[in-house]
Structures are given as C-alpha cells and as structure tokens.
PDB file of N, CA and C in Angstrom:
ATOM      1  N   MET A   1       9.808 -24.482 -12.499  1.00  0.00           N
ATOM      2  CA  MET A   1      10.990 -23.702 -12.212  1.00  0.00           C
ATOM      3  C   MET A   1      11.853 -24.497 -11.231  1.00  0.00           C
ATOM      4  N   ARG A   2      13.113 -24.604 -11.552  1.00  0.00           N
ATOM      5  CA  ARG A   2      14.028 -25.322 -10.662  1.00  0.00           C
ATOM      6  C   ARG A   2      14.287 -24.515  -9.398  1.00  0.00           C
ATOM      7  N   LYS A   3      14.745 -25.205  -8.384  1.00  0.00           N
ATOM      8  CA  LYS A   3      14.986 -24.570  -7.098  1.00  0.00           C
ATOM      9  C   LYS A   3      15.961 -23.399  -7.226  1.00  0.00           C
ATOM     10  N   GLU A   4      17.003 -23.557  -8.006  1.00  0.00           N
ATOM     11  CA  GLU A   4      17.995 -22.494  -8.175  1.00  0.00           C
ATOM     12  C   GLU A   4      17.378 -21.275  -8.869  1.00  0.00           C
ATOM     13  N   GLU A   5      16.553 -21.524  -9.888  1.00  0.00           N
ATOM     14  CA  GLU A   5      15.904 -20.428 -10.605  1.00  0.00           C
ATOM     15  C   GLU A   5      14.936 -19.685  -9.692  1.00  0.00           C
ATOM     16  N   TYR A   6      14.222 -20.447  -8.868  1.00  0.00           N
ATOM     17  CA  TYR A   6      13.290 -19.834  -7.942  1.00  0.00           C
ATOM     18  C   TYR A   6      14.042 -18.953  -6.949  1.00  0.00           C
ATOM     19  N   GLY A   7      15.169 -19.433  -6.458  1.00  0.00           N
ATOM     20  CA  GLY A   7      15.973 -18.657  -5.516  1.00  0.00           C
ATOM     21  C   GLY A   7      16.476 -17.364  -6.128  1.00  0.00           C
ATOM     22  N   LEU A   8      16.932 -17.438  -7.380  1.00  0.00           N
ATOM     23  CA  LEU A   8      17.393 -16.226  -8.063  1.00  0.00           C
ATOM     24  C   LEU A   8      16.247 -15.251  -8.296  1.00  0.00           C
ATOM     25  N   ALA A   9      15.090 -15.781  -8.632  1.00  0.00           N
ATOM     26  CA  ALA A   9      13.923 -14.918  -8.837  1.00  0.00           C
ATOM     27  C   ALA A   9      13.553 -14.227  -7.526  1.00  0.00           C
ATOM     28  N   ALA A  10      13.594 -14.964  -6.423  1.00  0.00           N
ATOM     29  CA  ALA A  10      13.272 -14.381  -5.121  1.00  0.00           C
ATOM     30  C   ALA A  10      14.239 -13.256  -4.778  1.00  0.00           C
ATOM     31  N   VAL A  11      15.518 -13.473  -5.036  1.00  0.00           N
ATOM     32  CA  VAL A  11      16.513 -12.429  -4.781  1.00  0.00           C
ATOM     33  C   VAL A  11      16.229 -11.213  -5.659  1.00  0.00           C
ATOM     34  N   GLY A  12      15.899 -11.444  -6.908  1.00  0.00           N
ATOM     35  CA  GLY A  12      15.562 -10.350  -7.819  1.00  0.00           C
ATOM     36  C   GLY A  12      14.380  -9.534  -7.328  1.00  0.00           C
ATOM     37  N   PHE A  13      13.347 -10.216  -6.839  1.00  0.00           N
ATOM     38  CA  PHE A  13      12.174  -9.505  -6.334  1.00  0.00           C
ATOM     39  C   PHE A  13      12.514  -8.731  -5.069  1.00  0.00           C
ATOM     40  N   LEU A  14      13.359  -9.301  -4.230  1.00  0.00           N
ATOM     41  CA  LEU A  14      13.780  -8.577  -3.033  1.00  0.00           C
ATOM     42  C   LEU A  14      14.540  -7.308  -3.400  1.00  0.00           C
ATOM     43  N   LEU A  15      15.386  -7.398  -4.397  1.00  0.00           N
ATOM     44  CA  LEU A  15      16.112  -6.211  -4.842  1.00  0.00           C
ATOM     45  C   LEU A  15      15.166  -5.157  -5.403  1.00  0.00           C
ATOM     46  N   LEU A  16      14.175  -5.597  -6.162  1.00  0.00           N
ATOM     47  CA  LEU A  16      13.178  -4.652  -6.673  1.00  0.00           C
ATOM     48  C   LEU A  16      12.403  -3.999  -5.536  1.00  0.00           C
ATOM     49  N   SER A  17      12.146  -4.745  -4.482  1.00  0.00           N
ATOM     50  CA  SER A  17      11.373  -4.204  -3.361  1.00  0.00           C
ATOM     51  C   SER A  17      12.152  -3.137  -2.600  1.00  0.00           C
ATOM     52  N   LEU A  18      13.480  -3.114  -2.734  1.00  0.00           N
ATOM     53  CA  LEU A  18      14.282  -2.091  -2.063  1.00  0.00           C
ATOM     54  C   LEU A  18      13.981  -0.699  -2.595  1.00  0.00           C
ATOM     55  N   HIS A  19      13.344  -0.642  -3.739  1.00  0.00           N
ATOM     56  CA  HIS A  19      12.969   0.638  -4.334  1.00  0.00           C
ATOM     57  C   HIS A  19      11.848   1.323  -3.540  1.00  0.00           C
ATOM     58  N   PHE A  20      11.137   0.548  -2.719  1.00  0.00           N
ATOM     59  CA  PHE A  20       9.990   1.064  -1.986  1.00  0.00           C
ATOM     60  C   PHE A  20      10.304   1.175  -0.499  1.00  0.00           C
ATOM     61  N   PRO A  21       9.657   2.133   0.190  1.00  0.00           N
ATOM     62  CA  PRO A  21       9.853   2.254   1.641  1.00  0.00           C
ATOM     63  C   PRO A  21       9.271   1.039   2.374  1.00  0.00           C
ATOM     64  N   PRO A  22       9.825   0.734   3.538  1.00  0.00           N
ATOM     65  CA  PRO A  22       9.370  -0.457   4.284  1.00  0.00           C
ATOM     66  C   PRO A  22       7.871  -0.489   4.580  1.00  0.00           C
ATOM     67  N   TYR A  23       7.272   0.670   4.908  1.00  0.00           N
ATOM     68  CA  TYR A  23       5.843   0.665   5.212  1.00  0.00           C
ATOM     69  C   TYR A  23       5.043   0.162   4.003  1.00  0.00           C
ATOM     70  N   PHE A  24       5.460   0.560   2.806  1.00  0.00           N
ATOM     71  CA  PHE A  24       4.735   0.200   1.591  1.00  0.00           C
ATOM     72  C   PHE A  24       4.926  -1.276   1.265  1.00  0.00           C
ATOM     73  N   VAL A  25       6.127  -1.765   1.469  1.00  0.00           N
ATOM     74  CA  VAL A  25       6.396  -3.186   1.243  1.00  0.00           C
ATOM     75  C   VAL A  25       5.511  -4.025   2.161  1.00  0.00           C
ATOM     76  N   SER A  26       5.369  -3.593   3.422  1.00  0.00           N
ATOM     77  CA  SER A  26       4.526  -4.368   4.342  1.00  0.00           C
ATOM     78  C   SER A  26       3.059  -4.289   3.936  1.00  0.00           C
ATOM     79  N   PHE A  27       2.596  -3.120   3.455  1.00  0.00           N
ATOM     80  CA  PHE A  27       1.218  -3.019   2.975  1.00  0.00           C
ATOM     81  C   PHE A  27       0.987  -3.974   1.811  1.00  0.00           C
ATOM     82  N   LEU A  28       1.924  -3.994   0.870  1.00  0.00           N
ATOM     83  CA  LEU A  28       1.774  -4.872  -0.287  1.00  0.00           C
ATOM     84  C   LEU A  28       1.870  -6.336   0.107  1.00  0.00           C
ATOM     85  N   ALA A  29       2.713  -6.640   1.072  1.00  0.00           N
ATOM     86  CA  ALA A  29       2.845  -8.023   1.509  1.00  0.00           C
ATOM     87  C   ALA A  29       1.525  -8.540   2.053  1.00  0.00           C
ATOM     88  N   VAL A  30       0.796  -7.668   2.721  1.00  0.00           N
ATOM     89  CA  VAL A  30      -0.492  -8.052   3.288  1.00  0.00           C
ATOM     90  C   VAL A  30      -1.594  -7.990   2.241  1.00  0.00           C
ATOM     91  N   SER A  31      -1.544  -6.987   1.377  1.00  0.00           N
ATOM     92  CA  SER A  31      -2.631  -6.735   0.437  1.00  0.00           C
ATOM     93  C   SER A  31      -2.571  -7.585  -0.822  1.00  0.00           C
ATOM     94  N   ALA A  32      -1.395  -7.713  -1.399  1.00  0.00           N
ATOM     95  CA  ALA A  32      -1.266  -8.395  -2.684  1.00  0.00           C
ATOM     96  C   ALA A  32      -1.285  -9.904  -2.488  1.00  0.00           C
ATOM     97  N   ILE A  33      -2.041 -10.576  -3.311  1.00  0.00           N
ATOM     98  CA  ILE A  33      -2.056 -12.033  -3.261  1.00  0.00           C
ATOM     99  C   ILE A  33      -0.645 -12.507  -3.617  1.00  0.00           C
ATOM    100  N   GLY A  34      -0.033 -13.244  -2.733  1.00  0.00           N
ATOM    101  CA  GLY A  34       1.326 -13.716  -2.970  1.00  0.00           C
ATOM    102  C   GLY A  34       2.400 -12.713  -2.587  1.00  0.00           C
ATOM    103  N   GLY A  35       1.987 -11.534  -2.095  1.00  0.00           N
ATOM    104  CA  GLY A  35       2.955 -10.552  -1.635  1.00  0.00           C
ATOM    105  C   GLY A  35       3.585  -9.749  -2.754  1.00  0.00           C
ATOM    106  N   LEU A  36       4.581  -8.991  -2.384  1.00  0.00           N
ATOM    107  CA  LEU A  36       5.235  -8.074  -3.315  1.00  0.00           C
ATOM    108  C   LEU A  36       5.925  -8.816  -4.452  1.00  0.00           C
ATOM    109  N   GLY A  37       6.578  -9.911  -4.159  1.00  0.00           N
ATOM    110  CA  GLY A  37       7.269 -10.658  -5.205  1.00  0.00           C
ATOM    111  C   GLY A  37       6.333 -11.082  -6.317  1.00  0.00           C
ATOM    112  N   TYR A  38       5.197 -11.616  -5.946  1.00  0.00           N
ATOM    113  CA  TYR A  38       4.212 -12.029  -6.951  1.00  0.00           C
ATOM    114  C   TYR A  38       3.710 -10.825  -7.732  1.00  0.00           C
ATOM    115  N   LEU A  39       3.431  -9.728  -7.012  1.00  0.00           N
ATOM    116  CA  LEU A  39       2.948  -8.525  -7.679  1.00  0.00           C
ATOM    117  C   LEU A  39       3.967  -8.024  -8.692  1.00  0.00           C
ATOM    118  N   LEU A  40       5.220  -7.924  -8.293  1.00  0.00           N
ATOM    119  CA  LEU A  40       6.247  -7.425  -9.204  1.00  0.00           C
ATOM    120  C   LEU A  40       6.426  -8.353 -10.408  1.00  0.00           C
ATOM    121  N   LYS A  41       6.264  -9.637 -10.171  1.00  0.00           N
ATOM    122  CA  LYS A  41       6.403 -10.605 -11.265  1.00  0.00           C
ATOM    123  C   LYS A  41       5.284 -10.455 -12.283  1.00  0.00           C
ATOM    124  N   THR A  42       4.099 -10.062 -11.837  1.00  0.00           N
ATOM    125  CA  THR A  42       2.954  -9.982 -12.740  1.00  0.00           C
ATOM    126  C   THR A  42       2.857  -8.650 -13.471  1.00  0.00           C
ATOM    127  N   LEU A  43       3.641  -7.657 -13.068  1.00  0.00           N
ATOM    128  CA  LEU A  43       3.572  -6.340 -13.697  1.00  0.00           C
ATOM    129  C   LEU A  43       4.576  -6.229 -14.832  1.00  0.00           C
ATOM    130  N   ASN A  44       4.180  -5.557 -15.892  1.00  0.00           N
ATOM    131  CA  ASN A  44       5.143  -5.251 -16.951  1.00  0.00           C
ATOM    132  C   ASN A  44       5.897  -3.976 -16.561  1.00  0.00           C
ATOM    133  N   ASP A  45       6.842  -3.549 -17.378  1.00  0.00           N
ATOM    134  CA  ASP A  45       7.673  -2.385 -17.032  1.00  0.00           C
ATOM    135  C   ASP A  45       6.839  -1.120 -16.833  1.00  0.00           C
ATOM    136  N   LYS A  46       5.871  -0.910 -17.693  1.00  0.00           N
ATOM    137  CA  LYS A  46       5.018   0.282 -17.572  1.00  0.00           C
ATOM    138  C   LYS A  46       4.217   0.247 -16.267  1.00  0.00           C
ATOM    139  N   GLU A  47       3.694  -0.929 -15.923  1.00  0.00           N
ATOM    140  CA  GLU A  47       2.920  -1.062 -14.682  1.00  0.00           C
ATOM    141  C   GLU A  47       3.814  -0.891 -13.455  1.00  0.00           C
ATOM    142  N   ARG A  48       5.062  -1.336 -13.533  1.00  0.00           N
ATOM    143  CA  ARG A  48       5.995  -1.113 -12.421  1.00  0.00           C
ATOM    144  C   ARG A  48       6.258   0.375 -12.230  1.00  0.00           C
ATOM    145  N   ASP A  49       6.411   1.092 -13.340  1.00  0.00           N
ATOM    146  CA  ASP A  49       6.584   2.550 -13.254  1.00  0.00           C
ATOM    147  C   ASP A  49       5.349   3.198 -12.628  1.00  0.00           C
ATOM    148  N   THR A  50       4.182   2.695 -12.995  1.00  0.00           N
ATOM    149  CA  THR A  50       2.934   3.207 -12.414  1.00  0.00           C
ATOM    150  C   THR A  50       2.888   2.913 -10.918  1.00  0.00           C
ATOM    151  N   LEU A  51       3.367   1.739 -10.514  1.00  0.00           N
ATOM    152  CA  LEU A  51       3.412   1.397  -9.094  1.00  0.00           C
ATOM    153  C   LEU A  51       4.319   2.364  -8.341  1.00  0.00           C
ATOM    154  N   VAL A  52       5.436   2.739  -8.928  1.00  0.00           N
ATOM    155  CA  VAL A  52       6.348   3.700  -8.297  1.00  0.00           C
ATOM    156  C   VAL A  52       5.649   5.049  -8.120  1.00  0.00           C
ATOM    157  N   LYS A  53       4.948   5.511  -9.156  1.00  0.00           N
ATOM    158  CA  LYS A  53       4.206   6.770  -9.058  1.00  0.00           C
ATOM    159  C   LYS A  53       3.098   6.668  -8.017  1.00  0.00           C
ATOM    160  N   PHE A  54       2.413   5.534  -8.019  1.00  0.00           N
ATOM    161  CA  PHE A  54       1.351   5.300  -7.041  1.00  0.00           C
ATOM    162  C   PHE A  54       1.902   5.390  -5.624  1.00  0.00           C
ATOM    163  N   GLU A  55       3.029   4.750  -5.384  1.00  0.00           N
ATOM    164  CA  GLU A  55       3.609   4.764  -4.033  1.00  0.00           C
ATOM    165  C   GLU A  55       3.928   6.178  -3.588  1.00  0.00           C
ATOM    166  N   LYS A  56       4.462   6.992  -4.467  1.00  0.00           N
ATOM    167  CA  LYS A  56       4.810   8.377  -4.103  1.00  0.00           C
ATOM    168  C   LYS A  56       3.565   9.148  -3.668  1.00  0.00           C
ATOM    169  N   GLU A  57       2.465   8.939  -4.358  1.00  0.00           N
ATOM    170  CA  GLU A  57       1.226   9.616  -3.979  1.00  0.00           C
ATOM    171  C   GLU A  57       0.594   8.981  -2.749  1.00  0.00           C
ATOM    172  N   PHE A  58       0.655   7.658  -2.664  1.00  0.00           N
ATOM    173  CA  PHE A  58       0.127   6.935  -1.506  1.00  0.00           C
ATOM    174  C   PHE A  58       0.859   7.368  -0.246  1.00  0.00           C
ATOM    175  N   ARG A  59       2.159   7.617  -0.364  1.00  0.00           N
ATOM    176  CA  ARG A  59       2.983   8.033   0.776  1.00  0.00           C
ATOM    177  C   ARG A  59       2.454   9.325   1.394  1.00  0.00           C
ATOM    178  N   LYS A  60       1.950  10.232   0.568  1.00  0.00           N
ATOM    179  CA  LYS A  60       1.391  11.488   1.091  1.00  0.00           C
ATOM    180  C   LYS A  60       0.229  11.196   2.034  1.00  0.00           C
ATOM    181  N   GLY A  61      -0.616  10.248   1.649  1.00  0.00           N
ATOM    182  CA  GLY A  61      -1.721   9.850   2.516  1.00  0.00           C
ATOM    183  C   GLY A  61      -1.230   9.194   3.788  1.00  0.00           C
ATOM    184  N   TYR A  62      -0.222   8.358   3.657  1.00  0.00           N
ATOM    185  CA  TYR A  62       0.345   7.688   4.831  1.00  0.00           C
ATOM    186  C   TYR A  62       0.932   8.720   5.802  1.00  0.00           C
ATOM    187  N   GLU A  63       1.598   9.728   5.261  1.00  0.00           N
ATOM    188  CA  GLU A  63       2.164  10.773   6.116  1.00  0.00           C
ATOM    189  C   GLU A  63       1.060  11.569   6.804  1.00  0.00           C
ATOM    190  N   LEU A  64      -0.036  11.816   6.103  1.00  0.00           N
ATOM    191  CA  LEU A  64      -1.185  12.479   6.732  1.00  0.00           C
ATOM    192  C   LEU A  64      -1.731  11.631   7.880  1.00  0.00           C
ATOM    193  N   GLU A  65      -1.795  10.333   7.675  1.00  0.00           N
ATOM    194  CA  GLU A  65      -2.247   9.427   8.738  1.00  0.00           C
ATOM    195  C   GLU A  65      -1.356   9.548   9.966  1.00  0.00           C
ATOM    196  N   GLN A  66      -0.051   9.540   9.735  1.00  0.00           N
ATOM    197  CA  GLN A  66       0.907   9.603  10.840  1.00  0.00           C
ATOM    198  C   GLN A  66       0.761  10.899  11.636  1.00  0.00           C
ATOM    199  N   GLN A  67       0.282  11.945  10.969  1.00  0.00           N
ATOM    200  CA  GLN A  67       0.047  13.232  11.637  1.00  0.00           C
ATOM    201  C   GLN A  67      -1.334  13.294  12.288  1.00  0.00           C
ATOM    202  N   GLY A  68      -2.134  12.240  12.092  1.00  0.00           N
ATOM    203  CA  GLY A  68      -3.480  12.201  12.650  1.00  0.00           C
ATOM    204  C   GLY A  68      -4.530  12.893  11.787  1.00  0.00           C
ATOM    205  N   ASN A  69      -4.186  13.267  10.575  1.00  0.00           N
ATOM    206  CA  ASN A  69      -5.116  13.921   9.648  1.00  0.00           C
ATOM    207  C   ASN A  69      -5.863  12.864   8.824  1.00  0.00           C
ATOM    208  N   TYR A  70      -6.705  12.103   9.506  1.00  0.00           N
ATOM    209  CA  TYR A  70      -7.394  10.992   8.854  1.00  0.00           C
ATOM    210  C   TYR A  70      -8.320  11.449   7.734  1.00  0.00           C
ATOM    211  N   ASP A  71      -9.049  12.546   7.954  1.00  0.00           N
ATOM    212  CA  ASP A  71      -9.984  13.010   6.928  1.00  0.00           C
ATOM    213  C   ASP A  71      -9.260  13.377   5.642  1.00  0.00           C
ATOM    214  N   GLU A  72      -8.131  14.079   5.759  1.00  0.00           N
ATOM    215  CA  GLU A  72      -7.363  14.447   4.572  1.00  0.00           C
ATOM    216  C   GLU A  72      -6.773  13.209   3.894  1.00  0.00           C
ATOM    217  N   ALA A  73      -6.317  12.254   4.693  1.00  0.00           N
ATOM    218  CA  ALA A  73      -5.776  11.016   4.118  1.00  0.00           C
ATOM    219  C   ALA A  73      -6.858  10.259   3.370  1.00  0.00           C
ATOM    220  N   ILE A  74      -8.038  10.198   3.931  1.00  0.00           N
ATOM    221  CA  ILE A  74      -9.152   9.502   3.271  1.00  0.00           C
ATOM    222  C   ILE A  74      -9.488  10.171   1.952  1.00  0.00           C
ATOM    223  N   GLU A  75      -9.516  11.489   1.941  1.00  0.00           N
ATOM    224  CA  GLU A  75      -9.799  12.207   0.692  1.00  0.00           C
ATOM    225  C   GLU A  75      -8.734  11.905  -0.360  1.00  0.00           C
ATOM    226  N   LEU A  76      -7.480  11.931   0.047  1.00  0.00           N
ATOM    227  CA  LEU A  76      -6.391  11.637  -0.880  1.00  0.00           C
ATOM    228  C   LEU A  76      -6.516  10.212  -1.416  1.00  0.00           C
ATOM    229  N   TYR A  77      -6.806   9.260  -0.535  1.00  0.00           N
ATOM    230  CA  TYR A  77      -6.943   7.869  -0.964  1.00  0.00           C
ATOM    231  C   TYR A  77      -8.106   7.686  -1.937  1.00  0.00           C
ATOM    232  N   HIS A  78      -9.203   8.393  -1.708  1.00  0.00           N
ATOM    233  CA  HIS A  78     -10.332   8.297  -2.643  1.00  0.00           C
ATOM    234  C   HIS A  78      -9.923   8.764  -4.041  1.00  0.00           C
ATOM    235  N   ASN A  79      -9.110   9.799  -4.101  1.00  0.00           N
ATOM    236  CA  ASN A  79      -8.610  10.264  -5.401  1.00  0.00           C
ATOM    237  C   ASN A  79      -7.722   9.214  -6.054  1.00  0.00           C
ATOM    238  N   LEU A  80      -6.958   8.492  -5.257  1.00  0.00           N
ATOM    239  CA  LEU A  80      -6.091   7.445  -5.798  1.00  0.00           C
ATOM    240  C   LEU A  80      -6.890   6.285  -6.371  1.00  0.00           C
ATOM    241  N   LEU A  81      -8.047   6.009  -5.787  1.00  0.00           N
ATOM    242  CA  LEU A  81      -8.893   4.918  -6.292  1.00  0.00           C
ATOM    243  C   LEU A  81      -9.225   5.122  -7.763  1.00  0.00           C
ATOM    244  N   GLU A  82      -9.516   6.347  -8.127  1.00  0.00           N
ATOM    245  CA  GLU A  82      -9.894   6.645  -9.506  1.00  0.00           C
ATOM    246  C   GLU A  82      -8.683   6.632 -10.443  1.00  0.00           C
ATOM    247  N   ARG A  83      -7.552   7.124  -9.952  1.00  0.00           N
ATOM    248  CA  ARG A  83      -6.387   7.269 -10.825  1.00  0.00           C
ATOM    249  C   ARG A  83      -5.567   5.994 -10.969  1.00  0.00           C
ATOM    250  N   TYR A  84      -5.649   5.109  -9.993  1.00  0.00           N
ATOM    251  CA  TYR A  84      -4.839   3.882 -10.022  1.00  0.00           C
ATOM    252  C   TYR A  84      -5.700   2.646  -9.767  1.00  0.00           C
ATOM    253  N   PRO A  85      -6.587   2.304 -10.689  1.00  0.00           N
ATOM    254  CA  PRO A  85      -7.485   1.163 -10.451  1.00  0.00           C
ATOM    255  C   PRO A  85      -6.739  -0.164 -10.283  1.00  0.00           C
ATOM    256  N   LYS A  86      -5.563  -0.294 -10.871  1.00  0.00           N
ATOM    257  CA  LYS A  86      -4.794  -1.541 -10.759  1.00  0.00           C
ATOM    258  C   LYS A  86      -4.405  -1.826  -9.300  1.00  0.00           C
ATOM    259  N   PHE A  87      -4.232  -0.774  -8.504  1.00  0.00           N
ATOM    260  CA  PHE A  87      -3.796  -0.931  -7.114  1.00  0.00           C
ATOM    261  C   PHE A  87      -4.910  -0.576  -6.130  1.00  0.00           C
ATOM    262  N   ARG A  88      -6.125  -0.695  -6.613  1.00  0.00           N
ATOM    263  CA  ARG A  88      -7.317  -0.374  -5.825  1.00  0.00           C
ATOM    264  C   ARG A  88      -7.374  -1.149  -4.500  1.00  0.00           C
ATOM    265  N   TYR A  89      -6.958  -2.397  -4.528  1.00  0.00           N
ATOM    266  CA  TYR A  89      -7.047  -3.232  -3.330  1.00  0.00           C
ATOM    267  C   TYR A  89      -6.207  -2.672  -2.182  1.00  0.00           C
ATOM    268  N   VAL A  90      -5.066  -2.059  -2.478  1.00  0.00           N
ATOM    269  CA  VAL A  90      -4.221  -1.473  -1.428  1.00  0.00           C
ATOM    270  C   VAL A  90      -4.949  -0.284  -0.801  1.00  0.00           C
ATOM    271  N   VAL A  91      -5.513   0.571  -1.649  1.00  0.00           N
ATOM    272  CA  VAL A  91      -6.218   1.757  -1.168  1.00  0.00           C
ATOM    273  C   VAL A  91      -7.462   1.353  -0.387  1.00  0.00           C
ATOM    274  N   THR A  92      -8.196   0.390  -0.899  1.00  0.00           N
ATOM    275  CA  THR A  92      -9.424  -0.053  -0.236  1.00  0.00           C
ATOM    276  C   THR A  92      -9.131  -0.579   1.168  1.00  0.00           C
ATOM    277  N   GLU A  93      -8.097  -1.379   1.309  1.00  0.00           N
ATOM    278  CA  GLU A  93      -7.734  -1.885   2.636  1.00  0.00           C
ATOM    279  C   GLU A  93      -7.331  -0.753   3.565  1.00  0.00           C
ATOM    280  N   ARG A  94      -6.622   0.234   3.038  1.00  0.00           N
ATOM    281  CA  ARG A  94      -6.193   1.359   3.865  1.00  0.00           C
ATOM    282  C   ARG A  94      -7.391   2.185   4.298  1.00  0.00           C
ATOM    283  N   LEU A  95      -8.348   2.385   3.395  1.00  0.00           N
ATOM    284  CA  LEU A  95      -9.552   3.126   3.749  1.00  0.00           C
ATOM    285  C   LEU A  95     -10.339   2.412   4.846  1.00  0.00           C
ATOM    286  N   GLU A  96     -10.442   1.109   4.758  1.00  0.00           N
ATOM    287  CA  GLU A  96     -11.123   0.343   5.807  1.00  0.00           C
ATOM    288  C   GLU A  96     -10.417   0.511   7.153  1.00  0.00           C
ATOM    289  N   TYR A  97      -9.106   0.454   7.128  1.00  0.00           N
ATOM    290  CA  TYR A  97      -8.321   0.646   8.357  1.00  0.00           C
ATOM    291  C   TYR A  97      -8.596   2.029   8.955  1.00  0.00           C
ATOM    292  N   LEU A  98      -8.610   3.064   8.114  1.00  0.00           N
ATOM    293  CA  LEU A  98      -8.828   4.426   8.604  1.00  0.00           C
ATOM    294  C   LEU A  98     -10.236   4.617   9.146  1.00  0.00           C
ATOM    295  N   ARG A  99     -11.203   3.995   8.509  1.00  0.00           N
ATOM    296  CA  ARG A  99     -12.577   4.084   9.029  1.00  0.00           C
ATOM    297  C   ARG A  99     -12.643   3.474  10.423  1.00  0.00           C
ATOM    298  N   THR A 100     -11.988   2.364  10.601  1.00  0.00           N
ATOM    299  CA  THR A 100     -11.941   1.718  11.914  1.00  0.00           C
ATOM    300  C   THR A 100     -11.243   2.617  12.926  1.00  0.00           C
ATOM    301  N   GLN A 101     -10.120   3.213  12.517  1.00  0.00           N
ATOM    302  CA  GLN A 101      -9.373   4.109  13.407  1.00  0.00           C
ATOM    303  C   GLN A 101     -10.236   5.298  13.828  1.00  0.00           C
ATOM    304  N   ARG A 102     -10.933   5.888  12.874  1.00  0.00           N
ATOM    305  CA  ARG A 102     -11.783   7.045  13.193  1.00  0.00           C
ATOM    306  C   ARG A 102     -12.882   6.662  14.166  1.00  0.00           C
ATOM    307  N   MET A 103     -13.472   5.480  13.993  1.00  0.00           N
ATOM    308  CA  MET A 103     -14.526   5.040  14.915  1.00  0.00           C
ATOM    309  C   MET A 103     -13.955   4.828  16.309  1.00  0.00           C
ATOM    310  N   GLN A 104     -12.753   4.271  16.400  1.00  0.00           N
ATOM    311  CA  GLN A 104     -12.131   4.048  17.697  1.00  0.00           C
ATOM    312  C   GLN A 104     -11.816   5.365  18.391  1.00  0.00           C
ATOM    313  N   VAL A 105     -11.294   6.317  17.648  1.00  0.00           N
ATOM    314  CA  VAL A 105     -10.978   7.631  18.223  1.00  0.00           C
ATOM    315  C   VAL A 105     -12.255   8.300  18.719  1.00  0.00           C
ATOM    316  N   ALA A 106     -13.313   8.259  17.919  1.00  0.00           N
ATOM    317  CA  ALA A 106     -14.589   8.861  18.312  1.00  0.00           C
ATOM    318  C   ALA A 106     -15.138   8.178  19.560  1.00  0.00           C
ATOM    319  N   SER A 107     -15.028   6.862  19.617  1.00  0.00           N
ATOM    320  CA  SER A 107     -15.508   6.111  20.774  1.00  0.00           C
ATOM    321  C   SER A 107     -14.710   6.470  22.031  1.00  0.00           C
ATOM    322  N   GLU A 108     -13.396   6.591  21.881  1.00  0.00           N
ATOM    323  CA  GLU A 108     -12.554   6.956  23.026  1.00  0.00           C
ATOM    324  C   GLU A 108     -12.892   8.363  23.528  1.00  0.00           C
ATOM    325  N   ARG A 109     -13.187   9.265  22.614  1.00  0.00           N
ATOM    326  CA  ARG A 109     -13.563  10.627  23.002  1.00  0.00           C
ATOM    327  C   ARG A 109     -14.873  10.627  23.772  1.00  0.00           C
ATOM    328  N   ARG A 110     -15.849   9.842  23.287  1.00  0.00           N
ATOM    329  CA  ARG A 110     -17.136   9.768  23.985  1.00  0.00           C
ATOM    330  C   ARG A 110     -16.977   9.167  25.371  1.00  0.00           C
ATOM    331  N   ASN A 111     -16.145   8.144  25.480  1.00  0.00           N
ATOM    332  CA  ASN A 111     -15.959   7.474  26.755  1.00  0.00           C
ATOM    333  C   ASN A 111     -15.205   8.341  27.774  1.00  0.00           C
ATOM    334  N   SER A 112     -14.342   9.224  27.278  1.00  0.00           N
ATOM    335  CA  SER A 112     -13.576  10.065  28.195  1.00  0.00           C
ATOM    336  C   SER A 112     -14.345  11.269  28.682  1.00  0.00           C
ATOM    337  N   GLN A 113     -15.491  11.562  28.045  1.00  0.00           N
ATOM    338  CA  GLN A 113     -16.274  12.735  28.450  1.00  0.00           C
ATOM    339  C   GLN A 113     -17.245  12.408  29.539  1.00  0.00           C
TER     340      GLN A 113
END
C-alpha cells in the first residue's frame, strides 16, 4: 500500500471510530491487536453492525461499573461472552479488570476496619 493510500485508510478508520464513544475506542485500542483501525479493517459489514450492537450492550456494563455496581456489571459481561464470541477478548479483559477492582475494594475495607 502506498503512503497516500495508507493515509486515506487511516482517515477512514478514524471516521468509522467516531461512531463509538471514547471509552470504547480506548478499550479497543488496548484490547484489539493493531487497535481499532485494524479491527474495523478486518470486519465485514455484518460484523461491524454486530460490533455496534455489542458496544450498546457493553456500555450498560460500563455504566454499571461507573456506578460501582461491579457484581451487576460482571454478570452482564458474562452474558456478553456467550452472545458475542467475536469480541470475547474485550469482555475478558474487562472482567479481569473488575476482578482486580473488587479485590482492591475488599482489601481497602479490611484495612480500614
């Protein structure tokens, strides 16, 4: 791919990423090999539509996290694992993060007592 074509492709992927909220773009940038641009390039139209649906459901879990409802977020994420196997790696990383968060909160509670 020539430099100009690569630049246009990068701009195209950036425009596609505007469809998603910033928190999700950052999750994908960390989770997806090659980041969001690579992920979007490898998905067909149907898979991109599935990614949009996945994000809407994933967002519910993220909002639960922001409210401190880790148990409910974990339950929601476990349901997503079964329904969206293509994006399992994003959910798996988030579940690991939440497990760590729960352990830290529990440890802080024990230490403060």
